[in-house]
Amino acid sequence: MYIRLKTTASWQDKRIKAMNKVISNYNLSTEIFIEEYNRVCVSKSENKKQYKGESNDNR
């Protein structure tokens, strides 16, 4: 029996999935994405466009 817990994925879920895909496809170390992973997890942005805007302001 398959139970779907979440029907839609947030932009954070999609971004983390994309980072994991890059890591596995290119056999990279996870250390490369640690800082971005943390920024994505703590972000209060509603979408990726807002996140990109706030990450550019922090640099």
N, C-alpha and C. Protein backbone atom coordinates (compact mmCIF):
# COMPACT_ATOMS: atom_id res chain seq x y z
N MET A 1 0.84 -1.18 0.00
CA MET A 1 0.00 0.00 0.00
C MET A 1 0.88 1.23 0.00
N TYR A 2 0.56 2.17 -0.87
CA TYR A 2 1.33 3.39 -1.01
C TYR A 2 0.53 4.56 -0.46
N ILE A 3 1.12 5.29 0.47
CA ILE A 3 0.46 6.46 1.04
C ILE A 3 1.28 7.68 0.68
N ARG A 4 0.64 8.64 0.08
CA ARG A 4 1.31 9.88 -0.30
C ARG A 4 1.20 10.87 0.85
N LEU A 5 2.34 11.23 1.43
CA LEU A 5 2.32 12.15 2.56
C LEU A 5 2.19 13.59 2.12
N LYS A 6 2.81 13.93 1.02
CA LYS A 6 2.85 15.30 0.54
C LYS A 6 2.58 15.30 -0.95
N THR A 7 1.60 16.03 -1.39
CA THR A 7 1.26 16.00 -2.82
C THR A 7 2.11 16.97 -3.62
N THR A 8 2.55 18.07 -3.00
CA THR A 8 3.37 19.02 -3.72
C THR A 8 4.69 19.22 -3.00
N ALA A 9 5.71 19.46 -3.75
CA ALA A 9 7.03 19.70 -3.19
C ALA A 9 7.29 21.21 -3.19
N SER A 10 7.88 21.69 -2.12
CA SER A 10 8.22 23.10 -2.05
C SER A 10 9.47 23.36 -2.90
N TRP A 11 9.77 24.62 -3.10
CA TRP A 11 10.96 24.95 -3.88
C TRP A 11 12.21 24.47 -3.14
N GLN A 12 12.16 24.45 -1.78
CA GLN A 12 13.30 23.95 -1.02
C GLN A 12 13.54 22.46 -1.30
N ASP A 13 12.45 21.68 -1.32
CA ASP A 13 12.57 20.25 -1.61
C ASP A 13 13.16 20.01 -3.00
N LYS A 14 12.68 20.80 -3.97
CA LYS A 14 13.17 20.66 -5.34
C LYS A 14 14.65 21.03 -5.44
N ARG A 15 15.07 22.09 -4.73
CA ARG A 15 16.47 22.53 -4.79
C ARG A 15 17.38 21.51 -4.13
N ILE A 16 16.98 20.96 -3.01
CA ILE A 16 17.79 19.95 -2.32
C ILE A 16 17.88 18.69 -3.18
N LYS A 17 16.79 18.32 -3.83
CA LYS A 17 16.81 17.16 -4.74
C LYS A 17 17.78 17.40 -5.90
N ALA A 18 17.79 18.62 -6.43
CA ALA A 18 18.70 18.96 -7.52
C ALA A 18 20.16 18.90 -7.06
N MET A 19 20.44 19.38 -5.84
CA MET A 19 21.80 19.31 -5.32
C MET A 19 22.23 17.86 -5.15
N ASN A 20 21.34 17.01 -4.64
CA ASN A 20 21.66 15.59 -4.47
C ASN A 20 21.92 14.92 -5.81
N LYS A 21 21.16 15.32 -6.83
CA LYS A 21 21.34 14.74 -8.17
C LYS A 21 22.72 15.10 -8.73
N VAL A 22 23.13 16.36 -8.56
CA VAL A 22 24.45 16.79 -9.04
C VAL A 22 25.55 16.03 -8.30
N ILE A 23 25.39 15.89 -7.00
CA ILE A 23 26.39 15.17 -6.20
C ILE A 23 26.52 13.73 -6.67
N SER A 24 25.40 13.06 -6.90
CA SER A 24 25.46 11.66 -7.31
C SER A 24 25.94 11.49 -8.75
N ASN A 25 25.52 12.38 -9.66
CA ASN A 25 25.91 12.25 -11.07
C ASN A 25 27.40 12.50 -11.29
N TYR A 26 27.97 13.40 -10.54
CA TYR A 26 29.37 13.77 -10.74
C TYR A 26 30.29 13.25 -9.65
N ASN A 27 29.77 12.41 -8.76
CA ASN A 27 30.56 11.83 -7.66
C ASN A 27 31.32 12.89 -6.89
N LEU A 28 30.59 13.96 -6.53
CA LEU A 28 31.19 15.06 -5.79
C LEU A 28 31.05 14.85 -4.29
N SER A 29 31.83 15.59 -3.55
CA SER A 29 31.72 15.59 -2.10
C SER A 29 30.55 16.47 -1.70
N THR A 30 29.86 16.10 -0.64
CA THR A 30 28.73 16.90 -0.18
C THR A 30 29.17 18.21 0.45
N GLU A 31 30.45 18.34 0.76
CA GLU A 31 30.96 19.56 1.37
C GLU A 31 30.78 20.77 0.47
N ILE A 32 30.70 20.55 -0.82
CA ILE A 32 30.54 21.63 -1.78
C ILE A 32 29.21 22.35 -1.56
N PHE A 33 28.17 21.61 -1.18
CA PHE A 33 26.83 22.17 -1.07
C PHE A 33 26.36 22.42 0.36
N ILE A 34 27.21 22.23 1.35
CA ILE A 34 26.80 22.38 2.75
C ILE A 34 26.26 23.78 3.02
N GLU A 35 26.97 24.81 2.60
CA GLU A 35 26.53 26.18 2.88
C GLU A 35 25.21 26.50 2.19
N GLU A 36 25.07 26.09 0.93
CA GLU A 36 23.82 26.36 0.22
C GLU A 36 22.68 25.56 0.83
N TYR A 37 22.93 24.33 1.24
CA TYR A 37 21.91 23.51 1.89
C TYR A 37 21.38 24.23 3.13
N ASN A 38 22.29 24.77 3.93
CA ASN A 38 21.89 25.49 5.13
C ASN A 38 21.07 26.73 4.79
N ARG A 39 21.51 27.49 3.78
CA ARG A 39 20.77 28.69 3.38
C ARG A 39 19.37 28.35 2.90
N VAL A 40 19.23 27.25 2.15
CA VAL A 40 17.91 26.83 1.65
C VAL A 40 17.02 26.43 2.82
N CYS A 41 17.56 25.70 3.78
CA CYS A 41 16.77 25.22 4.91
C CYS A 41 16.26 26.34 5.80
N VAL A 42 17.05 27.37 6.02
CA VAL A 42 16.65 28.45 6.92
C VAL A 42 15.94 29.59 6.21
N SER A 43 15.86 29.55 4.90
CA SER A 43 15.24 30.63 4.13
C SER A 43 13.75 30.72 4.41
N LYS A 44 13.26 31.93 4.52
CA LYS A 44 11.83 32.19 4.71
C LYS A 44 11.15 32.58 3.40
N SER A 45 11.87 32.47 2.30
CA SER A 45 11.35 32.86 0.99
C SER A 45 10.19 31.96 0.57
N GLU A 46 9.27 32.53 -0.18
CA GLU A 46 8.12 31.78 -0.68
C GLU A 46 8.43 31.02 -1.96
N ASN A 47 9.44 31.49 -2.72
CA ASN A 47 9.78 30.82 -3.97
C ASN A 47 11.27 31.02 -4.25
N LYS A 48 11.75 30.36 -5.30
CA LYS A 48 13.17 30.40 -5.63
C LYS A 48 13.64 31.79 -6.05
N LYS A 49 12.77 32.51 -6.73
CA LYS A 49 13.14 33.86 -7.18
C LYS A 49 13.42 34.77 -5.99
N GLN A 50 12.59 34.70 -4.96
CA GLN A 50 12.83 35.49 -3.75
C GLN A 50 14.12 35.04 -3.06
N TYR A 51 14.35 33.73 -3.04
CA TYR A 51 15.56 33.18 -2.41
C TYR A 51 16.81 33.70 -3.12
N LYS A 52 16.79 33.67 -4.45
CA LYS A 52 17.94 34.17 -5.20
C LYS A 52 18.17 35.65 -4.92
N GLY A 53 17.10 36.43 -4.77
CA GLY A 53 17.22 37.84 -4.46
C GLY A 53 17.82 38.06 -3.09
N GLU A 54 17.41 37.29 -2.10
CA GLU A 54 17.96 37.47 -0.75
C GLU A 54 19.38 36.95 -0.65
N SER A 55 19.73 35.91 -1.40
CA SER A 55 21.10 35.40 -1.35
C SER A 55 22.07 36.37 -2.03
N ASN A 56 21.60 37.11 -3.04
CA ASN A 56 22.45 38.12 -3.67
C ASN A 56 22.66 39.31 -2.75
N ASP A 57 21.67 39.63 -1.92
CA ASP A 57 21.79 40.74 -0.98
C ASP A 57 22.78 40.43 0.14
N ASN A 58 22.90 39.15 0.51
CA ASN A 58 23.77 38.74 1.61
C ASN A 58 25.23 38.72 1.22
N ARG A 59 25.53 38.71 -0.05
CA ARG A 59 26.93 38.58 -0.49
C ARG A 59 27.59 39.87 -0.58
